[in-house]
N, C-alpha and C. Protein backbone atom coordinates (compact mmCIF):
# COMPACT_ATOMS: atom_id res chain seq x y z
N MET A 1 -16.28 45.64 37.65
CA MET A 1 -16.76 47.02 37.56
C MET A 1 -15.83 47.91 38.37
N ALA A 2 -15.32 48.93 37.73
CA ALA A 2 -14.43 49.87 38.42
C ALA A 2 -15.24 50.75 39.38
N THR A 3 -14.56 51.18 40.41
CA THR A 3 -15.20 52.08 41.37
C THR A 3 -15.45 53.41 40.67
N PRO A 4 -16.68 53.90 40.67
CA PRO A 4 -17.02 55.14 39.93
C PRO A 4 -16.70 56.40 40.76
N TRP A 5 -15.42 56.63 41.03
CA TRP A 5 -15.03 57.79 41.85
C TRP A 5 -15.51 59.09 41.25
N LEU A 6 -16.13 59.92 42.07
CA LEU A 6 -16.53 61.27 41.68
C LEU A 6 -15.62 62.24 42.42
N PRO A 7 -14.91 63.11 41.73
CA PRO A 7 -13.99 64.01 42.43
C PRO A 7 -14.72 65.05 43.28
N LEU A 8 -14.27 65.19 44.51
CA LEU A 8 -14.79 66.22 45.43
C LEU A 8 -13.68 67.27 45.55
N THR A 9 -13.87 68.38 44.85
CA THR A 9 -12.80 69.37 44.74
C THR A 9 -13.23 70.79 45.11
N GLN A 10 -14.54 71.00 45.29
CA GLN A 10 -15.05 72.34 45.55
C GLN A 10 -15.87 72.34 46.84
N PRO A 11 -15.65 73.32 47.71
CA PRO A 11 -16.43 73.39 48.96
C PRO A 11 -17.93 73.41 48.70
N GLU A 12 -18.36 74.01 47.60
CA GLU A 12 -19.79 74.11 47.29
C GLU A 12 -20.41 72.74 47.03
N GLN A 13 -19.58 71.77 46.64
CA GLN A 13 -20.10 70.43 46.35
C GLN A 13 -20.71 69.79 47.60
N LEU A 14 -20.23 70.18 48.76
CA LEU A 14 -20.73 69.57 49.99
C LEU A 14 -22.22 69.84 50.18
N ALA A 15 -22.66 71.05 49.90
CA ALA A 15 -24.08 71.37 50.01
C ALA A 15 -24.89 70.51 49.02
N ALA A 16 -24.36 70.31 47.83
CA ALA A 16 -25.05 69.49 46.83
C ALA A 16 -25.10 68.03 47.28
N ILE A 17 -24.02 67.55 47.90
CA ILE A 17 -23.99 66.17 48.41
C ILE A 17 -25.03 65.99 49.51
N VAL A 18 -25.14 66.97 50.39
CA VAL A 18 -26.15 66.90 51.46
C VAL A 18 -27.54 66.84 50.84
N GLN A 19 -27.81 67.69 49.84
CA GLN A 19 -29.11 67.66 49.15
C GLN A 19 -29.35 66.29 48.53
N GLU A 20 -28.33 65.78 47.83
CA GLU A 20 -28.42 64.49 47.16
C GLU A 20 -28.72 63.37 48.17
N SER A 21 -28.17 63.49 49.38
CA SER A 21 -28.32 62.45 50.40
C SER A 21 -29.76 62.31 50.90
N HIS A 22 -30.60 63.31 50.60
CA HIS A 22 -32.02 63.21 50.97
C HIS A 22 -32.77 62.34 49.96
N GLU A 23 -32.18 62.13 48.78
CA GLU A 23 -32.79 61.28 47.76
C GLU A 23 -32.26 59.85 47.83
N HIS A 24 -30.95 59.73 48.10
CA HIS A 24 -30.30 58.41 48.22
C HIS A 24 -28.98 58.59 48.96
N ALA A 25 -28.49 57.51 49.51
CA ALA A 25 -27.23 57.55 50.27
C ALA A 25 -26.06 57.93 49.37
N VAL A 26 -25.08 58.60 49.97
CA VAL A 26 -23.89 59.05 49.27
C VAL A 26 -22.67 58.69 50.13
N LEU A 27 -21.60 58.24 49.48
CA LEU A 27 -20.35 57.94 50.18
C LEU A 27 -19.31 59.00 49.89
N ILE A 28 -18.47 59.27 50.87
CA ILE A 28 -17.31 60.14 50.68
C ILE A 28 -16.09 59.38 51.19
N PHE A 29 -15.08 59.25 50.35
CA PHE A 29 -13.83 58.62 50.76
C PHE A 29 -12.75 59.69 50.80
N LYS A 30 -12.18 59.88 51.98
CA LYS A 30 -11.11 60.86 52.17
C LYS A 30 -9.78 60.12 52.11
N HIS A 31 -8.91 60.54 51.20
CA HIS A 31 -7.70 59.80 50.87
C HIS A 31 -6.46 60.69 50.91
N SER A 32 -5.43 60.21 51.60
CA SER A 32 -4.13 60.88 51.57
C SER A 32 -3.27 60.15 50.56
N THR A 33 -2.89 60.85 49.50
CA THR A 33 -2.16 60.22 48.40
C THR A 33 -0.73 59.82 48.76
N THR A 34 -0.24 60.23 49.92
CA THR A 34 1.13 59.88 50.32
C THR A 34 1.16 58.82 51.43
N CYS A 35 0.01 58.32 51.84
CA CYS A 35 -0.07 57.38 52.97
C CYS A 35 -0.32 55.96 52.46
N SER A 36 0.52 55.03 52.87
CA SER A 36 0.37 53.65 52.41
C SER A 36 -0.90 53.00 52.97
N ILE A 37 -1.29 53.35 54.18
CA ILE A 37 -2.53 52.79 54.76
C ILE A 37 -3.74 53.29 53.96
N SER A 38 -3.69 54.57 53.59
CA SER A 38 -4.77 55.15 52.79
C SER A 38 -4.84 54.46 51.42
N ALA A 39 -3.68 54.21 50.83
CA ALA A 39 -3.63 53.53 49.53
C ALA A 39 -4.21 52.12 49.65
N ALA A 40 -3.90 51.43 50.76
CA ALA A 40 -4.43 50.08 50.97
C ALA A 40 -5.95 50.11 51.14
N ALA A 41 -6.46 51.10 51.87
CA ALA A 41 -7.90 51.22 52.07
C ALA A 41 -8.61 51.51 50.75
N LYS A 42 -8.03 52.39 49.94
CA LYS A 42 -8.61 52.72 48.62
C LYS A 42 -8.63 51.47 47.73
N SER A 43 -7.54 50.74 47.74
CA SER A 43 -7.45 49.51 46.94
C SER A 43 -8.49 48.48 47.40
N LYS A 44 -8.69 48.38 48.70
CA LYS A 44 -9.68 47.45 49.26
C LYS A 44 -11.09 47.81 48.78
N ILE A 45 -11.41 49.10 48.81
CA ILE A 45 -12.71 49.56 48.31
C ILE A 45 -12.86 49.19 46.84
N GLU A 46 -11.82 49.45 46.06
CA GLU A 46 -11.89 49.16 44.63
C GLU A 46 -12.06 47.67 44.35
N ARG A 47 -11.41 46.82 45.14
CA ARG A 47 -11.53 45.37 44.95
C ARG A 47 -12.92 44.88 45.33
N GLN A 48 -13.52 45.47 46.37
CA GLN A 48 -14.81 45.00 46.89
C GLN A 48 -16.01 45.65 46.23
N TRP A 49 -15.80 46.71 45.47
CA TRP A 49 -16.91 47.52 44.96
C TRP A 49 -17.94 46.70 44.19
N ALA A 50 -17.48 45.89 43.23
CA ALA A 50 -18.40 45.16 42.35
C ALA A 50 -19.33 44.23 43.13
N ASP A 51 -18.85 43.66 44.24
CA ASP A 51 -19.64 42.71 45.01
C ASP A 51 -20.29 43.32 46.25
N SER A 52 -20.19 44.63 46.39
CA SER A 52 -20.64 45.28 47.63
C SER A 52 -22.15 45.54 47.68
N GLY A 53 -22.81 45.50 46.53
CA GLY A 53 -24.22 45.86 46.50
C GLY A 53 -24.43 47.37 46.54
N LEU A 54 -23.34 48.13 46.39
CA LEU A 54 -23.41 49.59 46.48
C LEU A 54 -23.24 50.27 45.12
N SER A 55 -23.32 49.51 44.05
CA SER A 55 -23.01 50.06 42.74
C SER A 55 -23.88 51.25 42.34
N ASP A 56 -25.06 51.40 42.96
CA ASP A 56 -25.92 52.55 42.66
C ASP A 56 -25.64 53.73 43.60
N THR A 57 -24.70 53.56 44.51
CA THR A 57 -24.40 54.60 45.50
C THR A 57 -23.25 55.47 44.99
N PRO A 58 -23.47 56.77 44.84
CA PRO A 58 -22.37 57.63 44.41
C PRO A 58 -21.26 57.62 45.46
N ILE A 59 -20.02 57.59 45.00
CA ILE A 59 -18.89 57.62 45.93
C ILE A 59 -17.93 58.74 45.51
N TYR A 60 -17.83 59.72 46.37
CA TYR A 60 -16.97 60.88 46.12
C TYR A 60 -15.59 60.62 46.69
N TYR A 61 -14.59 61.11 45.97
CA TYR A 61 -13.18 60.93 46.32
C TYR A 61 -12.58 62.30 46.65
N LEU A 62 -12.07 62.43 47.87
CA LEU A 62 -11.46 63.68 48.30
C LEU A 62 -9.96 63.47 48.50
N ASP A 63 -9.15 64.16 47.70
CA ASP A 63 -7.69 64.15 47.85
C ASP A 63 -7.35 65.14 48.97
N LEU A 64 -7.01 64.59 50.13
CA LEU A 64 -6.79 65.42 51.31
C LEU A 64 -5.63 66.39 51.17
N LEU A 65 -4.62 66.00 50.44
CA LEU A 65 -3.46 66.88 50.33
C LEU A 65 -3.77 68.11 49.48
N ARG A 66 -4.60 67.94 48.49
CA ARG A 66 -4.96 69.06 47.61
C ARG A 66 -6.13 69.88 48.14
N PHE A 67 -7.03 69.23 48.89
CA PHE A 67 -8.27 69.91 49.29
C PHE A 67 -8.55 69.74 50.79
N ARG A 68 -7.56 69.98 51.62
CA ARG A 68 -7.69 69.80 53.07
C ARG A 68 -8.82 70.66 53.67
N PRO A 69 -9.02 71.89 53.21
CA PRO A 69 -10.12 72.68 53.80
C PRO A 69 -11.49 72.00 53.66
N ILE A 70 -11.69 71.25 52.59
CA ILE A 70 -12.97 70.55 52.42
C ILE A 70 -13.11 69.47 53.49
N SER A 71 -12.02 68.80 53.83
CA SER A 71 -12.06 67.79 54.88
C SER A 71 -12.44 68.42 56.21
N SER A 72 -11.88 69.57 56.49
CA SER A 72 -12.23 70.28 57.73
C SER A 72 -13.71 70.67 57.73
N GLN A 73 -14.20 71.10 56.57
CA GLN A 73 -15.61 71.47 56.42
C GLN A 73 -16.51 70.25 56.67
N ILE A 74 -16.10 69.09 56.16
CA ILE A 74 -16.86 67.85 56.35
C ILE A 74 -16.92 67.51 57.85
N ALA A 75 -15.77 67.58 58.51
CA ALA A 75 -15.71 67.25 59.94
C ALA A 75 -16.63 68.16 60.74
N GLU A 76 -16.59 69.45 60.43
CA GLU A 76 -17.42 70.41 61.15
C GLU A 76 -18.90 70.19 60.86
N GLN A 77 -19.24 70.04 59.59
CA GLN A 77 -20.64 69.91 59.20
C GLN A 77 -21.30 68.66 59.79
N PHE A 78 -20.57 67.54 59.80
CA PHE A 78 -21.18 66.29 60.24
C PHE A 78 -20.80 65.90 61.67
N GLY A 79 -20.00 66.74 62.33
CA GLY A 79 -19.65 66.48 63.72
C GLY A 79 -18.81 65.24 63.92
N ILE A 80 -17.89 65.00 62.99
CA ILE A 80 -17.01 63.83 63.09
C ILE A 80 -15.56 64.29 63.15
N ARG A 81 -14.71 63.44 63.66
CA ARG A 81 -13.30 63.74 63.71
C ARG A 81 -12.66 63.48 62.36
N HIS A 82 -11.78 64.37 61.93
CA HIS A 82 -11.06 64.16 60.68
C HIS A 82 -10.09 63.00 60.84
N GLU A 83 -10.15 62.06 59.91
CA GLU A 83 -9.18 60.97 59.86
C GLU A 83 -8.85 60.70 58.41
N SER A 84 -7.78 59.95 58.21
CA SER A 84 -7.38 59.60 56.86
C SER A 84 -6.65 58.27 56.89
N PRO A 85 -7.10 57.34 56.07
CA PRO A 85 -8.27 57.39 55.19
C PRO A 85 -9.55 57.31 56.01
N GLN A 86 -10.63 57.74 55.40
CA GLN A 86 -11.92 57.74 56.09
C GLN A 86 -13.03 57.56 55.07
N LEU A 87 -14.00 56.73 55.41
CA LEU A 87 -15.18 56.53 54.57
C LEU A 87 -16.40 56.97 55.35
N LEU A 88 -17.20 57.81 54.72
CA LEU A 88 -18.41 58.35 55.35
C LEU A 88 -19.62 58.00 54.51
N LEU A 89 -20.70 57.64 55.18
CA LEU A 89 -21.98 57.43 54.52
C LEU A 89 -22.88 58.57 54.93
N ILE A 90 -23.32 59.35 53.95
CA ILE A 90 -24.19 60.48 54.20
C ILE A 90 -25.59 60.10 53.74
N GLN A 91 -26.55 60.20 54.66
CA GLN A 91 -27.94 59.85 54.34
C GLN A 91 -28.85 60.81 55.08
N ASP A 92 -29.81 61.36 54.36
CA ASP A 92 -30.75 62.33 54.93
C ASP A 92 -30.03 63.49 55.62
N GLY A 93 -28.91 63.90 55.00
CA GLY A 93 -28.17 65.05 55.49
C GLY A 93 -27.29 64.79 56.69
N GLU A 94 -27.20 63.53 57.12
CA GLU A 94 -26.40 63.20 58.30
C GLU A 94 -25.39 62.11 57.97
N CYS A 95 -24.30 62.07 58.75
CA CYS A 95 -23.32 61.01 58.62
C CYS A 95 -23.82 59.81 59.41
N ARG A 96 -24.15 58.72 58.69
CA ARG A 96 -24.72 57.52 59.33
C ARG A 96 -23.67 56.44 59.56
N TYR A 97 -22.52 56.57 58.92
CA TYR A 97 -21.43 55.59 59.06
C TYR A 97 -20.13 56.34 58.85
N ASP A 98 -19.15 56.02 59.69
CA ASP A 98 -17.87 56.68 59.63
C ASP A 98 -16.83 55.68 60.09
N ALA A 99 -15.91 55.31 59.20
CA ALA A 99 -14.85 54.37 59.56
C ALA A 99 -13.54 54.88 58.98
N SER A 100 -12.46 54.47 59.63
CA SER A 100 -11.16 54.91 59.13
C SER A 100 -10.17 53.75 59.12
N HIS A 101 -9.11 53.99 58.43
CA HIS A 101 -7.99 53.05 58.32
C HIS A 101 -8.49 51.67 57.87
N MET A 102 -8.00 50.62 58.50
CA MET A 102 -8.38 49.29 58.05
C MET A 102 -9.75 48.86 58.58
N GLY A 103 -10.42 49.75 59.30
CA GLY A 103 -11.78 49.48 59.75
C GLY A 103 -12.82 49.76 58.69
N ILE A 104 -12.38 50.27 57.54
CA ILE A 104 -13.30 50.58 56.44
C ILE A 104 -13.74 49.27 55.78
N ARG A 105 -15.07 49.02 55.81
CA ARG A 105 -15.61 47.80 55.20
C ARG A 105 -16.90 48.15 54.46
N LEU A 106 -16.93 47.84 53.18
CA LEU A 106 -18.14 48.11 52.40
C LEU A 106 -19.29 47.25 52.90
N SER A 107 -19.00 46.08 53.46
CA SER A 107 -20.07 45.23 53.99
C SER A 107 -20.77 45.93 55.16
N ASP A 108 -20.02 46.70 55.95
CA ASP A 108 -20.63 47.45 57.05
C ASP A 108 -21.55 48.55 56.50
N VAL A 109 -21.13 49.19 55.43
CA VAL A 109 -21.95 50.23 54.80
C VAL A 109 -23.25 49.59 54.30
N SER A 110 -23.12 48.48 53.62
CA SER A 110 -24.31 47.78 53.11
C SER A 110 -25.27 47.42 54.23
N ALA A 111 -24.73 46.99 55.37
CA ALA A 111 -25.57 46.61 56.51
C ALA A 111 -26.32 47.81 57.06
N VAL A 112 -25.70 48.98 57.08
CA VAL A 112 -26.35 50.20 57.55
C VAL A 112 -27.51 50.57 56.63
N LEU A 113 -27.35 50.33 55.35
CA LEU A 113 -28.36 50.72 54.36
C LEU A 113 -29.54 49.76 54.30
N LYS A 114 -29.44 48.60 54.91
CA LYS A 114 -30.55 47.62 54.83
C LYS A 114 -31.61 47.91 55.83
C-alpha cells in the first residue's frame, strides 16, 4: 500500500487539520526536497506505512522549500521547533509526537496512539 500523501500547500489547511485532529489523529511530514536525510526519512515512512497500523491516519506532506511559511506557522501554533525532516502527530488540536531526522519512527507514532 502506497503512502497516501495529502499535499499541505495552503496556510488555511492548518486550521482544518486542527479541526480534523479532534475527530482522529493526523500526521504532518515536513520534507526538504533537496536534503538527502529528508529523502531517506520519507523513503523510510513509505516502506513502513503498510505495516505501521496507521493506514487510517491521514498524512499530510509539506514541501518546505515551496511552502516555508506554513512550516513556521506549524512551529508557532504547536510550540515546536522547526526541523527538517520532521514528523508530527496532531491529536485533539495539539502536537502529541514530534520527531526529526532518523529519529522518525512510525512504530513510535503507533505507540502514542494506543
